[in-house]
PDB file of N, CA and C in Angstrom:
ATOM      1  N   UNK A   1       0.946  -0.973  -0.187  1.00  0.00           N
ATOM      2  CA  UNK A   1      -0.214   0.128  -0.019  1.00  0.00           C
ATOM      3  C   UNK A   1       1.048   1.051   0.049  1.00  0.00           C
ATOM      4  N   UNK A   2       0.635   2.275  -0.873  1.00  0.00           N
ATOM      5  CA  UNK A   2       1.432   3.424  -1.018  1.00  0.00           C
ATOM      6  C   UNK A   2       1.326   4.038   0.358  1.00  0.00           C
ATOM      7  N   UNK A   3       2.327   5.127   0.264  1.00  0.00           N
ATOM      8  CA  UNK A   3       1.902   5.934   1.825  1.00  0.00           C
ATOM      9  C   UNK A   3       0.792   6.754   1.792  1.00  0.00           C
ATOM     10  N   UNK A   4       0.859   7.114   0.419  1.00  0.00           N
ATOM     11  CA  UNK A   4      -0.260   8.721  -0.176  1.00  0.00           C
ATOM     12  C   UNK A   4      -1.589   7.926   0.710  1.00  0.00           C
ATOM     13  N   UNK A   5      -1.839   6.494   0.041  1.00  0.00           N
ATOM     14  CA  UNK A   5      -3.007   6.011   0.547  1.00  0.00           C
ATOM     15  C   UNK A   5      -3.087   5.865   2.401  1.00  0.00           C
ATOM     16  N   UNK A   6      -2.234   5.687   2.997  1.00  0.00           N
ATOM     17  CA  UNK A   6      -1.838   5.322   3.910  1.00  0.00           C
ATOM     18  C   UNK A   6      -2.577   6.547   4.997  1.00  0.00           C
ATOM     19  N   UNK A   7      -1.712   7.859   4.343  1.00  0.00           N
ATOM     20  CA  UNK A   7      -2.061   8.992   4.946  1.00  0.00           C
ATOM     21  C   UNK A   7      -3.570   9.507   4.560  1.00  0.00           C
ATOM     22  N   UNK A   8      -4.050   9.134   3.716  1.00  0.00           N
ATOM     23  CA  UNK A   8      -5.328   9.776   3.199  1.00  0.00           C
ATOM     24  C   UNK A   8      -6.090   8.844   4.503  1.00  0.00           C
ATOM     25  N   UNK A   9      -6.266   7.396   4.495  1.00  0.00           N
ATOM     26  CA  UNK A   9      -6.839   6.857   5.689  1.00  0.00           C
ATOM     27  C   UNK A   9      -6.724   7.291   6.702  1.00  0.00           C
ATOM     28  N   UNK A  10      -5.547   7.540   7.142  1.00  0.00           N
ATOM     29  CA  UNK A  10      -5.211   7.959   8.575  1.00  0.00           C
ATOM     30  C   UNK A  10      -6.261   9.039   9.335  1.00  0.00           C
ATOM     31  N   UNK A  11      -6.134   9.968   8.378  1.00  0.00           N
ATOM     32  CA  UNK A  11      -6.656  11.509   7.919  1.00  0.00           C
ATOM     33  C   UNK A  11      -8.167  11.073   7.853  1.00  0.00           C
ATOM     34  N   UNK A  12      -8.860  10.438   7.250  1.00  0.00           N
ATOM     35  CA  UNK A  12     -10.262   9.926   7.235  1.00  0.00           C
ATOM     36  C   UNK A  12     -10.626   9.477   8.471  1.00  0.00           C
ATOM     37  N   UNK A  13      -9.590   8.714   9.159  1.00  0.00           N
ATOM     38  CA  UNK A  13     -10.110   7.896  10.311  1.00  0.00           C
ATOM     39  C   UNK A  13     -10.326   8.839  11.389  1.00  0.00           C
ATOM     40  N   UNK A  14      -9.310  10.000  11.153  1.00  0.00           N
ATOM     41  CA  UNK A  14      -8.890  10.967  12.402  1.00  0.00           C
ATOM     42  C   UNK A  14     -10.222  11.816  12.141  1.00  0.00           C
ATOM     43  N   UNK A  15     -10.317  12.093  11.113  1.00  0.00           N
ATOM     44  CA  UNK A  15     -11.437  13.080  10.888  1.00  0.00           C
ATOM     45  C   UNK A  15     -13.033  12.530  11.300  1.00  0.00           C
ATOM     46  N   UNK A  16     -13.388  11.326  11.105  1.00  0.00           N
ATOM     47  CA  UNK A  16     -14.715  10.371  11.474  1.00  0.00           C
ATOM     48  C   UNK A  16     -14.278  10.608  12.728  1.00  0.00           C
ATOM     49  N   UNK A  17     -13.556  10.303  13.483  1.00  0.00           N
ATOM     50  CA  UNK A  17     -13.322   9.844  15.073  1.00  0.00           C
ATOM     51  C   UNK A  17     -14.038  11.365  15.788  1.00  0.00           C
ATOM     52  N   UNK A  18     -13.385  12.481  15.262  1.00  0.00           N
ATOM     53  CA  UNK A  18     -13.422  13.820  15.533  1.00  0.00           C
ATOM     54  C   UNK A  18     -15.367  14.082  15.319  1.00  0.00           C
ATOM     55  N   UNK A  19     -15.667  13.805  14.163  1.00  0.00           N
ATOM     56  CA  UNK A  19     -16.887  14.161  13.748  1.00  0.00           C
ATOM     57  C   UNK A  19     -17.909  13.650  15.116  1.00  0.00           C
ATOM     58  N   UNK A  20     -17.712  12.069  15.224  1.00  0.00           N
ATOM     59  CA  UNK A  20     -18.776  11.221  15.759  1.00  0.00           C
ATOM     60  C   UNK A  20     -18.243  12.046  17.387  1.00  0.00           C
ATOM     61  N   UNK A  21     -17.415  11.964  17.807  1.00  0.00           N
ATOM     62  CA  UNK A  21     -16.941  12.773  18.991  1.00  0.00           C
ATOM     63  C   UNK A  21     -17.672  13.967  19.318  1.00  0.00           C
ATOM     64  N   UNK A  22     -18.024  14.949  18.542  1.00  0.00           N
ATOM     65  CA  UNK A  22     -18.431  16.414  18.776  1.00  0.00           C
ATOM     66  C   UNK A  22     -20.101  15.697  18.438  1.00  0.00           C
ATOM     67  N   UNK A  23     -20.712  14.911  17.639  1.00  0.00           N
ATOM     68  CA  UNK A  23     -21.811  14.681  17.432  1.00  0.00           C
ATOM     69  C   UNK A  23     -22.366  14.108  18.724  1.00  0.00           C
ATOM     70  N   UNK A  24     -21.663  13.230  19.422  1.00  0.00           N
ATOM     71  CA  UNK A  24     -22.394  12.698  20.513  1.00  0.00           C
ATOM     72  C   UNK A  24     -21.902  13.368  21.859  1.00  0.00           C
ATOM     73  N   UNK A  25     -21.404  14.386  21.520  1.00  0.00           N
ATOM     74  CA  UNK A  25     -21.241  15.341  22.868  1.00  0.00           C
ATOM     75  C   UNK A  25     -22.259  16.407  23.402  1.00  0.00           C
ATOM     76  N   UNK A  26     -22.174  16.554  24.639  1.00  0.00           N
ATOM     77  CA  UNK A  26     -23.669  17.181  25.191  1.00  0.00           C
ATOM     78  C   UNK A  26     -23.362  18.951  24.970  1.00  0.00           C
ATOM     79  N   UNK A  27     -23.378  19.237  23.836  1.00  0.00           N
ATOM     80  CA  UNK A  27     -23.438  20.520  23.355  1.00  0.00           C
ATOM     81  C   UNK A  27     -24.776  21.020  22.834  1.00  0.00           C
ATOM     82  N   UNK A  28     -24.957  22.229  22.719  1.00  0.00           N
ATOM     83  CA  UNK A  28     -25.940  22.853  22.212  1.00  0.00           C
ATOM     84  C   UNK A  28     -25.987  22.565  20.667  1.00  0.00           C
ATOM     85  N   UNK A  29     -26.864  22.691  19.778  1.00  0.00           N
ATOM     86  CA  UNK A  29     -26.665  22.285  18.442  1.00  0.00           C
ATOM     87  C   UNK A  29     -25.906  23.349  17.711  1.00  0.00           C
ATOM     88  N   UNK A  30     -26.152  24.947  18.083  1.00  0.00           N
ATOM     89  CA  UNK A  30     -24.942  25.691  17.489  1.00  0.00           C
ATOM     90  C   UNK A  30     -23.531  25.769  17.886  1.00  0.00           C
ATOM     91  N   UNK A  31     -23.728  25.088  18.815  1.00  0.00           N
ATOM     92  CA  UNK A  31     -21.707  24.833  19.683  1.00  0.00           C
ATOM     93  C   UNK A  31     -21.396  23.628  18.580  1.00  0.00           C
ATOM     94  N   UNK A  32     -22.333  22.662  18.574  1.00  0.00           N
ATOM     95  CA  UNK A  32     -21.599  21.371  17.602  1.00  0.00           C
ATOM     96  C   UNK A  32     -21.943  21.559  16.199  1.00  0.00           C
ATOM     97  N   UNK A  33     -22.213  22.420  15.830  1.00  0.00           N
ATOM     98  CA  UNK A  33     -22.265  22.685  13.964  1.00  0.00           C
ATOM     99  C   UNK A  33     -20.664  23.745  14.410  1.00  0.00           C
ATOM    100  N   UNK A  34     -20.425  24.694  15.251  1.00  0.00           N
ATOM    101  CA  UNK A  34     -19.203  25.397  15.481  1.00  0.00           C
ATOM    102  C   UNK A  34     -18.157  24.744  15.279  1.00  0.00           C
ATOM    103  N   UNK A  35     -18.180  24.060  16.586  1.00  0.00           N
ATOM    104  CA  UNK A  35     -17.065  22.618  16.831  1.00  0.00           C
ATOM    105  C   UNK A  35     -16.678  22.067  15.008  1.00  0.00           C
ATOM    106  N   UNK A  36     -18.018  21.286  14.310  1.00  0.00           N
ATOM    107  CA  UNK A  36     -17.907  20.562  13.394  1.00  0.00           C
ATOM    108  C   UNK A  36     -17.463  21.370  12.017  1.00  0.00           C
ATOM    109  N   UNK A  37     -17.367  22.592  12.180  1.00  0.00           N
ATOM    110  CA  UNK A  37     -17.174  23.798  11.278  1.00  0.00           C
ATOM    111  C   UNK A  37     -15.455  24.007  11.478  1.00  0.00           C
ATOM    112  N   UNK A  38     -14.980  23.899  12.635  1.00  0.00           N
ATOM    113  CA  UNK A  38     -13.624  24.029  13.301  1.00  0.00           C
ATOM    114  C   UNK A  38     -13.140  23.240  12.773  1.00  0.00           C
ATOM    115  N   UNK A  39     -13.479  21.928  12.969  1.00  0.00           N
ATOM    116  CA  UNK A  39     -12.639  20.453  12.722  1.00  0.00           C
ATOM    117  C   UNK A  39     -12.724  20.230  11.333  1.00  0.00           C
ATOM    118  N   UNK A  40     -13.495  20.539  10.533  1.00  0.00           N
ATOM    119  CA  UNK A  40     -13.617  20.531   8.887  1.00  0.00           C
ATOM    120  C   UNK A  40     -12.278  21.700   8.315  1.00  0.00           C
ATOM    121  N   UNK A  41     -12.401  22.479   9.138  1.00  0.00           N
ATOM    122  CA  UNK A  41     -11.394  23.314   8.367  1.00  0.00           C
ATOM    123  C   UNK A  41      -9.947  23.011   8.841  1.00  0.00           C
ATOM    124  N   UNK A  42     -10.001  22.342  10.288  1.00  0.00           N
ATOM    125  CA  UNK A  42      -8.572  21.577  10.301  1.00  0.00           C
ATOM    126  C   UNK A  42      -8.315  20.623   9.668  1.00  0.00           C
ATOM    127  N   UNK A  43      -9.022  19.623   8.931  1.00  0.00           N
ATOM    128  CA  UNK A  43      -8.827  18.731   8.439  1.00  0.00           C
ATOM    129  C   UNK A  43      -8.638  18.984   7.208  1.00  0.00           C
ATOM    130  N   UNK A  44      -9.470  20.344   6.681  1.00  0.00           N
ATOM    131  CA  UNK A  44      -9.046  20.591   5.075  1.00  0.00           C
ATOM    132  C   UNK A  44      -7.562  21.000   5.309  1.00  0.00           C
ATOM    133  N   UNK A  45      -6.802  22.025   6.154  1.00  0.00           N
ATOM    134  CA  UNK A  45      -5.973  22.592   5.950  1.00  0.00           C
ATOM    135  C   UNK A  45      -4.914  21.477   6.433  1.00  0.00           C
ATOM    136  N   UNK A  46      -5.135  20.208   6.785  1.00  0.00           N
ATOM    137  CA  UNK A  46      -4.188  19.047   6.988  1.00  0.00           C
ATOM    138  C   UNK A  46      -4.332  18.690   5.856  1.00  0.00           C
ATOM    139  N   UNK A  47      -5.356  18.632   5.012  1.00  0.00           N
ATOM    140  CA  UNK A  47      -5.337  17.486   3.956  1.00  0.00           C
ATOM    141  C   UNK A  47      -4.308  18.953   2.768  1.00  0.00           C
ATOM    142  N   UNK A  48      -4.949  19.833   2.774  1.00  0.00           N
ATOM    143  CA  UNK A  48      -3.967  20.791   1.775  1.00  0.00           C
ATOM    144  C   UNK A  48      -2.349  20.391   2.150  1.00  0.00           C
ATOM    145  N   UNK A  49      -1.973  21.011   3.443  1.00  0.00           N
ATOM    146  CA  UNK A  49      -0.649  20.571   3.945  1.00  0.00           C
ATOM    147  C   UNK A  49       0.281  19.598   3.121  1.00  0.00           C
ATOM    148  N   UNK A  50      -0.904  17.928   3.194  1.00  0.00           N
ATOM    149  CA  UNK A  50      -0.350  16.459   3.046  1.00  0.00           C
ATOM    150  C   UNK A  50      -0.482  16.884   1.498  1.00  0.00           C
ATOM    151  N   UNK A  51      -1.370  17.228   0.716  1.00  0.00           N
ATOM    152  CA  UNK A  51      -1.242  17.314  -0.656  1.00  0.00           C
ATOM    153  C   UNK A  51       0.263  18.097  -1.329  1.00  0.00           C
ATOM    154  N   UNK A  52       0.003  19.669  -0.534  1.00  0.00           N
ATOM    155  CA  UNK A  52       1.487  20.359  -1.029  1.00  0.00           C
ATOM    156  C   UNK A  52       2.651  19.610  -0.870  1.00  0.00           C
ATOM    157  N   UNK A  53       2.878  18.997   0.335  1.00  0.00           N
ATOM    158  CA  UNK A  53       4.254  18.097   0.736  1.00  0.00           C
ATOM    159  C   UNK A  53       4.537  17.238  -0.411  1.00  0.00           C
ATOM    160  N   UNK A  54       3.055  16.217  -0.621  1.00  0.00           N
ATOM    161  CA  UNK A  54       3.305  15.081  -1.364  1.00  0.00           C
ATOM    162  C   UNK A  54       3.901  15.770  -3.123  1.00  0.00           C
ATOM    163  N   UNK A  55       2.960  17.100  -3.302  1.00  0.00           N
ATOM    164  CA  UNK A  55       3.323  17.458  -4.849  1.00  0.00           C
ATOM    165  C   UNK A  55       4.503  17.763  -4.895  1.00  0.00           C
ATOM    166  N   UNK A  56       5.412  18.548  -3.568  1.00  0.00           N
ATOM    167  CA  UNK A  56       6.618  19.304  -3.949  1.00  0.00           C
ATOM    168  C   UNK A  56       7.548  17.918  -4.027  1.00  0.00           C
ATOM    169  N   UNK A  57       7.111  16.790  -3.282  1.00  0.00           N
ATOM    170  CA  UNK A  57       7.786  15.203  -3.262  1.00  0.00           C
ATOM    171  C   UNK A  57       8.158  15.147  -4.832  1.00  0.00           C
ATOM    172  N   UNK A  58       7.105  14.855  -5.292  1.00  0.00           N
ATOM    173  CA  UNK A  58       6.891  14.508  -6.808  1.00  0.00           C
ATOM    174  C   UNK A  58       7.456  15.190  -7.693  1.00  0.00           C
ATOM    175  N   UNK A  59       7.401  16.278  -7.217  1.00  0.00           N
ATOM    176  CA  UNK A  59       7.954  17.682  -8.315  1.00  0.00           C
ATOM    177  C   UNK A  59       9.397  17.487  -8.123  1.00  0.00           C
ATOM    178  N   UNK A  60      10.133  17.578  -7.470  1.00  0.00           N
ATOM    179  CA  UNK A  60      11.444  16.929  -7.015  1.00  0.00           C
ATOM    180  C   UNK A  60      11.904  15.798  -7.436  1.00  0.00           C
ATOM    181  N   UNK A  61      11.235  14.711  -7.140  1.00  0.00           N
ATOM    182  CA  UNK A  61      11.539  13.431  -7.747  1.00  0.00           C
ATOM    183  C   UNK A  61      11.638  13.360  -9.508  1.00  0.00           C
ATOM    184  N   UNK A  62      10.674  14.175  -9.846  1.00  0.00           N
ATOM    185  CA  UNK A  62      10.411  14.368 -11.322  1.00  0.00           C
ATOM    186  C   UNK A  62      11.605  15.049 -11.900  1.00  0.00           C
ATOM    187  N   UNK A  63      12.017  16.242 -11.401  1.00  0.00           N
ATOM    188  CA  UNK A  63      13.144  17.187 -11.369  1.00  0.00           C
ATOM    189  C   UNK A  63      14.460  16.222 -11.671  1.00  0.00           C
ATOM    190  N   UNK A  64      14.379  15.438 -10.615  1.00  0.00           N
ATOM    191  CA  UNK A  64      16.056  14.689 -10.277  1.00  0.00           C
ATOM    192  C   UNK A  64      15.875  13.628 -11.953  1.00  0.00           C
ATOM    193  N   UNK A  65      14.730  13.013 -11.869  1.00  0.00           N
ATOM    194  CA  UNK A  65      14.781  11.999 -13.121  1.00  0.00           C
ATOM    195  C   UNK A  65      15.186  12.721 -14.443  1.00  0.00           C
ATOM    196  N   UNK A  66      14.420  13.839 -14.864  1.00  0.00           N
ATOM    197  CA  UNK A  66      14.604  14.595 -15.499  1.00  0.00           C
ATOM    198  C   UNK A  66      16.027  15.292 -16.414  1.00  0.00           C
ATOM    199  N   UNK A  67      16.781  15.728 -14.919  1.00  0.00           N
ATOM    200  CA  UNK A  67      18.146  15.942 -14.982  1.00  0.00           C
ATOM    201  C   UNK A  67      19.157  14.755 -15.459  1.00  0.00           C
ATOM    202  N   UNK A  68      18.619  13.541 -14.725  1.00  0.00           N
ATOM    203  CA  UNK A  68      19.413  12.479 -15.068  1.00  0.00           C
ATOM    204  C   UNK A  68      19.307  12.046 -16.164  1.00  0.00           C
ATOM    205  N   UNK A  69      18.288  11.950 -16.880  1.00  0.00           N
ATOM    206  CA  UNK A  69      17.942  11.689 -18.042  1.00  0.00           C
ATOM    207  C   UNK A  69      18.806  12.208 -19.189  1.00  0.00           C
ATOM    208  N   UNK A  70      18.719  13.714 -19.134  1.00  0.00           N
ATOM    209  CA  UNK A  70      19.380  14.474 -19.528  1.00  0.00           C
ATOM    210  C   UNK A  70      21.119  14.620 -19.647  1.00  0.00           C
ATOM    211  N   UNK A  71      21.244  14.102 -18.573  1.00  0.00           N
ATOM    212  CA  UNK A  71      22.947  13.697 -18.347  1.00  0.00           C
ATOM    213  C   UNK A  71      23.480  12.646 -19.139  1.00  0.00           C
ATOM    214  N   UNK A  72      22.302  11.491 -19.069  1.00  0.00           N
ATOM    215  CA  UNK A  72      22.500  10.349 -19.830  1.00  0.00           C
ATOM    216  C   UNK A  72      22.643  10.575 -21.477  1.00  0.00           C
ATOM    217  N   UNK A  73      21.676  11.389 -22.016  1.00  0.00           N
ATOM    218  CA  UNK A  73      21.732  11.911 -23.084  1.00  0.00           C
ATOM    219  C   UNK A  73      23.043  12.513 -23.449  1.00  0.00           C
ATOM    220  N   UNK A  74      23.375  13.295 -22.875  1.00  0.00           N
ATOM    221  CA  UNK A  74      24.845  14.031 -23.232  1.00  0.00           C
ATOM    222  C   UNK A  74      25.799  13.239 -22.899  1.00  0.00           C
ATOM    223  N   UNK A  75      26.114  12.083 -21.962  1.00  0.00           N
ATOM    224  CA  UNK A  75      27.042  10.896 -22.114  1.00  0.00           C
ATOM    225  C   UNK A  75      26.762  10.134 -23.193  1.00  0.00           C
ATOM    226  N   UNK A  76      25.602   9.999 -23.909  1.00  0.00           N
ATOM    227  CA  UNK A  76      25.266   9.221 -24.876  1.00  0.00           C
ATOM    228  C   UNK A  76      25.808   9.897 -26.304  1.00  0.00           C
ATOM    229  N   UNK A  77      25.429  11.170 -26.286  1.00  0.00           N
ATOM    230  CA  UNK A  77      25.937  12.112 -27.464  1.00  0.00           C
ATOM    231  C   UNK A  77      27.479  11.865 -27.290  1.00  0.00           C
ATOM    232  N   UNK A  78      28.269  12.244 -26.292  1.00  0.00           N
ATOM    233  CA  UNK A  78      29.823  12.335 -26.219  1.00  0.00           C
ATOM    234  C   UNK A  78      30.482  11.289 -26.297  1.00  0.00           C
ATOM    235  N   UNK A  79      29.921   9.497 -26.295  1.00  0.00           N
ATOM    236  CA  UNK A  79      30.238   8.399 -26.294  1.00  0.00           C
ATOM    237  C   UNK A  79      30.059   8.229 -28.185  1.00  0.00           C
ATOM    238  N   UNK A  80      28.788   8.659 -28.102  1.00  0.00           N
ATOM    239  CA  UNK A  80      28.829   8.869 -29.869  1.00  0.00           C
ATOM    240  C   UNK A  80      30.163   9.225 -30.675  1.00  0.00           C
ATOM    241  N   UNK A  81      30.410  10.346 -30.579  1.00  0.00           N
ATOM    242  CA  UNK A  81      31.350  11.363 -30.752  1.00  0.00           C
ATOM    243  C   UNK A  81      32.648  10.495 -31.099  1.00  0.00           C
ATOM    244  N   UNK A  82      32.971   9.974 -29.429  1.00  0.00           N
ATOM    245  CA  UNK A  82      34.130   9.289 -29.623  1.00  0.00           C
ATOM    246  C   UNK A  82      34.433   8.202 -30.421  1.00  0.00           C
ATOM    247  N   UNK A  83      33.037   7.461 -30.685  1.00  0.00           N
ATOM    248  CA  UNK A  83      32.986   6.207 -31.320  1.00  0.00           C
ATOM    249  C   UNK A  83      33.296   6.363 -32.733  1.00  0.00           C
ATOM    250  N   UNK A  84      32.416   7.339 -33.231  1.00  0.00           N
ATOM    251  CA  UNK A  84      32.613   7.964 -34.680  1.00  0.00           C
ATOM    252  C   UNK A  84      34.518   8.558 -34.777  1.00  0.00           C
ATOM    253  N   UNK A  85      34.699   9.004 -34.184  1.00  0.00           N
ATOM    254  CA  UNK A  85      36.310   9.727 -34.273  1.00  0.00           C
ATOM    255  C   UNK A  85      37.334   8.499 -34.268  1.00  0.00           C
ATOM    256  N   UNK A  86      37.249   7.364 -33.120  1.00  0.00           N
ATOM    257  CA  UNK A  86      37.800   6.441 -33.470  1.00  0.00           C
ATOM    258  C   UNK A  86      37.414   5.510 -34.814  1.00  0.00           C
ATOM    259  N   UNK A  87      36.377   5.518 -34.742  1.00  0.00           N
ATOM    260  CA  UNK A  87      36.032   4.534 -36.507  1.00  0.00           C
ATOM    261  C   UNK A  87      36.837   5.121 -37.692  1.00  0.00           C
ATOM    262  N   UNK A  88      36.543   6.512 -37.471  1.00  0.00           N
ATOM    263  CA  UNK A  88      37.455   7.279 -38.824  1.00  0.00           C
ATOM    264  C   UNK A  88      38.533   7.033 -38.671  1.00  0.00           C
ATOM    265  N   UNK A  89      39.425   6.983 -37.173  1.00  0.00           N
ATOM    266  CA  UNK A  89      40.892   6.708 -37.567  1.00  0.00           C
ATOM    267  C   UNK A  89      41.477   5.571 -37.503  1.00  0.00           C
ATOM    268  N   UNK A  90      40.434   4.833 -37.353  1.00  0.00           N
ATOM    269  CA  UNK A  90      40.960   3.320 -37.569  1.00  0.00           C
ATOM    270  C   UNK A  90      40.659   2.939 -39.227  1.00  0.00           C
ATOM    271  N   UNK A  91      39.386   3.584 -39.882  1.00  0.00           N
ATOM    272  CA  UNK A  91      39.488   3.487 -41.372  1.00  0.00           C
ATOM    273  C   UNK A  91      40.837   3.844 -42.114  1.00  0.00           C
ATOM    274  N   UNK A  92      41.189   5.372 -41.390  1.00  0.00           N
ATOM    275  CA  UNK A  92      42.050   5.854 -42.108  1.00  0.00           C
ATOM    276  C   UNK A  92      43.390   5.206 -42.220  1.00  0.00           C
ATOM    277  N   UNK A  93      43.570   4.384 -40.866  1.00  0.00           N
ATOM    278  CA  UNK A  93      44.543   3.394 -40.356  1.00  0.00           C
ATOM    279  C   UNK A  93      44.574   2.395 -41.551  1.00  0.00           C
ATOM    280  N   UNK A  94      43.798   1.656 -41.757  1.00  0.00           N
ATOM    281  CA  UNK A  94      43.079   0.532 -42.612  1.00  0.00           C
ATOM    282  C   UNK A  94      43.702   1.153 -44.036  1.00  0.00           C
ATOM    283  N   UNK A  95      43.098   2.303 -44.503  1.00  0.00           N
ATOM    284  CA  UNK A  95      43.331   2.665 -45.977  1.00  0.00           C
ATOM    285  C   UNK A  95      44.948   2.579 -46.062  1.00  0.00           C
ATOM    286  N   UNK A  96      45.557   3.456 -44.957  1.00  0.00           N
ATOM    287  CA  UNK A  96      47.110   3.643 -45.063  1.00  0.00           C
ATOM    288  C   UNK A  96      47.616   2.299 -45.069  1.00  0.00           C
ATOM    289  N   UNK A  97      47.090   1.180 -44.537  1.00  0.00           N
ATOM    290  CA  UNK A  97      48.041   0.153 -44.337  1.00  0.00           C
ATOM    291  C   UNK A  97      47.678  -0.698 -45.523  1.00  0.00           C
ATOM    292  N   UNK A  98      46.720  -0.566 -46.385  1.00  0.00           N
ATOM    293  CA  UNK A  98      46.258  -1.151 -47.594  1.00  0.00           C
ATOM    294  C   UNK A  98      47.325  -0.535 -48.655  1.00  0.00           C
ATOM    295  N   UNK A  99      47.103   0.700 -48.672  1.00  0.00           N
ATOM    296  CA  UNK A  99      48.461   1.480 -49.901  1.00  0.00           C
ATOM    297  C   UNK A  99      49.297   1.599 -49.557  1.00  0.00           C
ATOM    298  N   UNK A 100      49.726   1.256 -48.107  1.00  0.00           N
ATOM    299  CA  UNK A 100      51.246   0.420 -48.248  1.00  0.00           C
ATOM    300  C   UNK A 100      51.673  -0.897 -48.737  1.00  0.00           C
ATOM    301  N   UNK A 101      50.758  -1.528 -48.415  1.00  0.00           N
ATOM    302  CA  UNK A 101      50.754  -3.322 -48.897  1.00  0.00           C
ATOM    303  C   UNK A 101      50.640  -3.226 -50.531  1.00  0.00           C
ATOM    304  N   UNK A 102      50.039  -2.035 -51.121  1.00  0.00           N
ATOM    305  CA  UNK A 102      49.755  -2.213 -52.226  1.00  0.00           C
ATOM    306  C   UNK A 102      50.781  -1.687 -53.105  1.00  0.00           C
ATOM    307  N   UNK A 103      51.726  -0.927 -52.660  1.00  0.00           N
ATOM    308  CA  UNK A 103      52.845  -0.204 -53.439  1.00  0.00           C
ATOM    309  C   UNK A 103      54.304  -1.179 -52.924  1.00  0.00           C
TER     310      UNK A 103
END
């Protein structure tokens, strides 16, 4: 199970527990509604914070992966240039060897 699902489950459980606790508390209806609104607001803030942290983590990992991919592409291009250069050098050496042996 992913950590995001676990966090969401825990937050939902906490929210449900708080709501049930308030509903069964011996307060006036207006006081109970006020408490529900406060707890709902607190829960919404917690969810927003959790979402922001998760989004930030995903963004950081995406940026790191993107940079790593870019680095790999650059390394691949450099390796290609080196191989082409070595192949040309080897071809020129072989041409020289053939010319020398034909002379």
